[in-house]
Amino acid sequence: MSPFNLSKPIAIGCDHAGFEYKEDIISFLEGKGLEYKDFGTYSIDSVDYPDFAHPVATSVENNETAFGILLCGSANGVAITANKHQHIRAAICWGEELAELARKHNDANIICLPSRFVREGDVEKMLDIFMHTEFEGGRHEGRKRKIACS
């Protein structure tokens, strides 16, 4: 069972550094029978990561997609960009425990993956954990409520 509504598509986007992993992730999602919405980029040609991070974040924020996946070389750029959106909690994950804690403690709704620092098999494990881990709530709920600036 997933804490996300997987009857909705999963948003995915990347810059040029994340393109090859994005293609692998799409195959992984298709293999699980999951729908996705690909916000690009569509090649390894150099692009600006905000052009892809904003549409992913907007789709998650507007509840058009179940959750988001963003990739760039370090994951910092896409995470910083996505977190500018009021109702986004984008977490950089480079290991399974981080993916689990991003969900359990932070109720992250976008996972940001550093394509230059993770292996393909690890990405699939992290995504599976991220998709199937519930937010614990409790003491973490109050902290989550304090994130918004308004």
Protein backbone atom coordinates (compact mmCIF):
# COMPACT_ATOMS: atom_id res chain seq x y z
CA MET A 1 0.00 0.00 0.00
CA SER A 2 1.29 3.45 -0.83
CA PRO A 3 0.68 6.64 1.12
CA PHE A 4 0.38 8.37 -2.24
CA ASN A 5 -2.64 8.19 -4.51
CA LEU A 6 -1.03 6.17 -7.29
CA SER A 7 -4.14 6.36 -9.42
CA LYS A 8 -2.68 9.76 -10.30
CA PRO A 9 0.46 10.00 -12.43
CA ILE A 10 3.86 10.59 -10.86
CA ALA A 11 5.58 13.82 -11.93
CA ILE A 12 9.15 13.49 -13.16
CA GLY A 13 11.63 16.03 -14.43
CA CYS A 14 15.35 16.61 -14.76
CA ASP A 15 18.07 18.63 -16.32
CA HIS A 16 20.68 17.26 -18.73
CA ALA A 17 22.71 15.63 -15.93
CA GLY A 18 19.70 13.60 -14.84
CA PHE A 19 18.36 12.68 -18.27
CA GLU A 20 19.75 9.14 -18.49
CA TYR A 21 18.53 8.26 -14.97
CA LYS A 22 15.14 9.76 -15.78
CA GLU A 23 14.82 7.38 -18.70
CA ASP A 24 15.74 4.46 -16.41
CA ILE A 25 13.21 5.62 -13.80
CA ILE A 26 10.50 5.83 -16.44
CA SER A 27 11.22 2.20 -17.35
CA PHE A 28 11.06 1.29 -13.65
CA LEU A 29 7.68 3.04 -13.26
CA GLU A 30 6.31 1.43 -16.41
CA GLY A 31 7.46 -1.96 -15.11
CA LYS A 32 5.37 -1.39 -12.00
CA GLY A 33 2.38 -0.34 -14.10
CA LEU A 34 2.54 3.23 -12.79
CA GLU A 35 1.59 6.26 -14.84
CA TYR A 36 3.85 9.28 -14.99
CA LYS A 37 3.94 12.75 -16.44
CA ASP A 38 7.32 13.57 -17.97
CA PHE A 39 8.14 17.27 -17.69
CA GLY A 40 11.47 16.88 -19.47
CA THR A 41 14.21 17.43 -20.36
CA TYR A 42 14.24 15.11 -23.33
CA SER A 43 17.96 14.92 -24.18
CA ILE A 44 21.45 15.39 -22.74
CA ASP A 45 21.70 18.90 -24.22
CA SER A 46 22.48 21.52 -21.58
CA VAL A 47 19.37 23.12 -20.03
CA ASP A 48 18.40 25.12 -16.95
CA TYR A 49 17.02 22.94 -14.14
CA PRO A 50 14.36 25.46 -12.94
CA ASP A 51 12.60 25.08 -16.29
CA PHE A 52 11.78 21.49 -15.28
CA ALA A 53 11.67 21.69 -11.47
CA HIS A 54 8.95 24.36 -11.39
CA PRO A 55 6.45 22.41 -13.54
CA VAL A 56 6.98 19.25 -11.47
CA ALA A 57 6.51 21.19 -8.23
CA THR A 58 3.43 22.96 -9.57
CA SER A 59 1.81 19.68 -10.60
CA VAL A 60 2.40 18.20 -7.12
CA GLU A 61 1.31 21.39 -5.38
CA ASN A 62 -1.92 21.50 -7.44
CA ASN A 63 -2.61 17.83 -6.62
CA GLU A 64 -2.47 16.90 -10.32
CA THR A 65 0.18 14.24 -9.63
CA ALA A 66 0.74 11.82 -6.75
CA PHE A 67 4.28 12.99 -5.95
CA GLY A 68 7.36 14.21 -7.78
CA ILE A 69 10.76 12.93 -8.81
CA LEU A 70 13.45 15.45 -9.73
CA LEU A 71 17.01 14.81 -10.86
CA CYS A 72 20.07 16.92 -11.53
CA GLY A 73 23.77 16.39 -10.96
CA SER A 74 23.79 17.18 -7.24
CA ALA A 75 20.01 17.44 -6.64
CA ASN A 76 20.64 20.76 -4.91
CA GLY A 77 19.39 22.95 -7.74
CA VAL A 78 16.13 21.09 -8.27
CA ALA A 79 15.48 20.84 -4.51
CA ILE A 80 16.08 24.54 -3.95
CA THR A 81 13.80 25.40 -6.86
CA ALA A 82 10.99 23.02 -5.89
CA ASN A 83 11.06 24.16 -2.27
CA LYS A 84 10.20 27.71 -3.36
CA HIS A 85 6.65 26.38 -3.82
CA GLN A 86 4.57 26.86 -0.69
CA HIS A 87 3.23 23.31 -0.32
CA ILE A 88 6.28 21.39 -1.50
CA ARG A 89 8.63 19.45 0.70
CA ALA A 90 11.41 18.34 -1.65
CA ALA A 91 14.10 16.15 -0.11
CA ILE A 92 17.52 15.28 -1.48
CA CYS A 93 18.09 11.55 -1.08
CA TRP A 94 21.20 9.56 -1.91
CA GLY A 95 20.48 6.50 0.20
CA GLU A 96 17.63 4.28 1.28
CA GLU A 97 17.52 5.55 4.88
CA LEU A 98 17.28 9.14 3.69
CA ALA A 99 14.38 8.26 1.39
CA GLU A 100 12.59 6.59 4.29
CA LEU A 101 13.20 9.46 6.71
CA ALA A 102 12.17 12.05 4.13
CA ARG A 103 8.74 10.42 4.14
CA LYS A 104 8.48 9.37 7.82
CA HIS A 105 9.70 12.60 9.39
CA ASN A 106 9.18 15.29 6.74
CA ASP A 107 6.22 14.05 4.68
CA ALA A 108 8.31 14.86 1.58
CA ASN A 109 6.25 14.99 -1.59
CA ILE A 110 9.15 15.28 -4.05
CA ILE A 111 12.27 13.13 -4.00
CA CYS A 112 15.36 14.81 -5.46
CA LEU A 113 18.06 12.48 -6.70
CA PRO A 114 21.69 13.46 -7.35
CA SER A 115 22.45 11.62 -10.58
CA ARG A 116 26.20 12.10 -10.23
CA PHE A 117 26.28 10.53 -6.76
CA VAL A 118 23.93 7.51 -6.82
CA ARG A 119 23.89 4.19 -8.64
CA GLU A 120 20.96 3.12 -10.81
CA GLY A 121 19.95 0.15 -8.64
CA ASP A 122 19.99 2.36 -5.55
CA VAL A 123 17.66 4.84 -7.25
CA GLU A 124 15.02 2.16 -7.78
CA LYS A 125 15.30 1.03 -4.14
CA MET A 126 14.98 4.61 -2.90
CA LEU A 127 11.94 5.23 -5.09
CA ASP A 128 10.25 2.08 -3.86
CA ILE A 129 10.87 3.10 -0.25
CA PHE A 130 9.74 6.68 -0.89
CA MET A 131 6.52 5.51 -2.58
CA HIS A 132 5.58 3.08 0.18
CA THR A 133 6.59 4.86 3.40
CA GLU A 134 3.92 6.61 5.47
CA PHE A 135 4.40 9.93 7.23
CA GLU A 136 4.59 9.23 10.98
CA GLY A 137 2.79 12.41 12.03
CA GLY A 138 2.90 12.85 15.80
CA ARG A 139 5.77 15.09 16.86
CA HIS A 140 6.66 15.56 13.19
CA GLU A 141 3.24 17.05 12.33
CA GLY A 142 3.88 20.20 14.36
CA ARG A 143 7.28 20.65 12.76
CA LYS A 144 5.77 20.21 9.31
CA ARG A 145 3.20 22.92 10.05
CA LYS A 146 6.02 25.36 10.90
CA ILE A 147 7.66 25.05 7.46
CA ALA A 148 5.39 27.46 5.56
CA CYS A 149 6.42 31.13 5.55
CA SER A 150 2.95 32.65 5.36
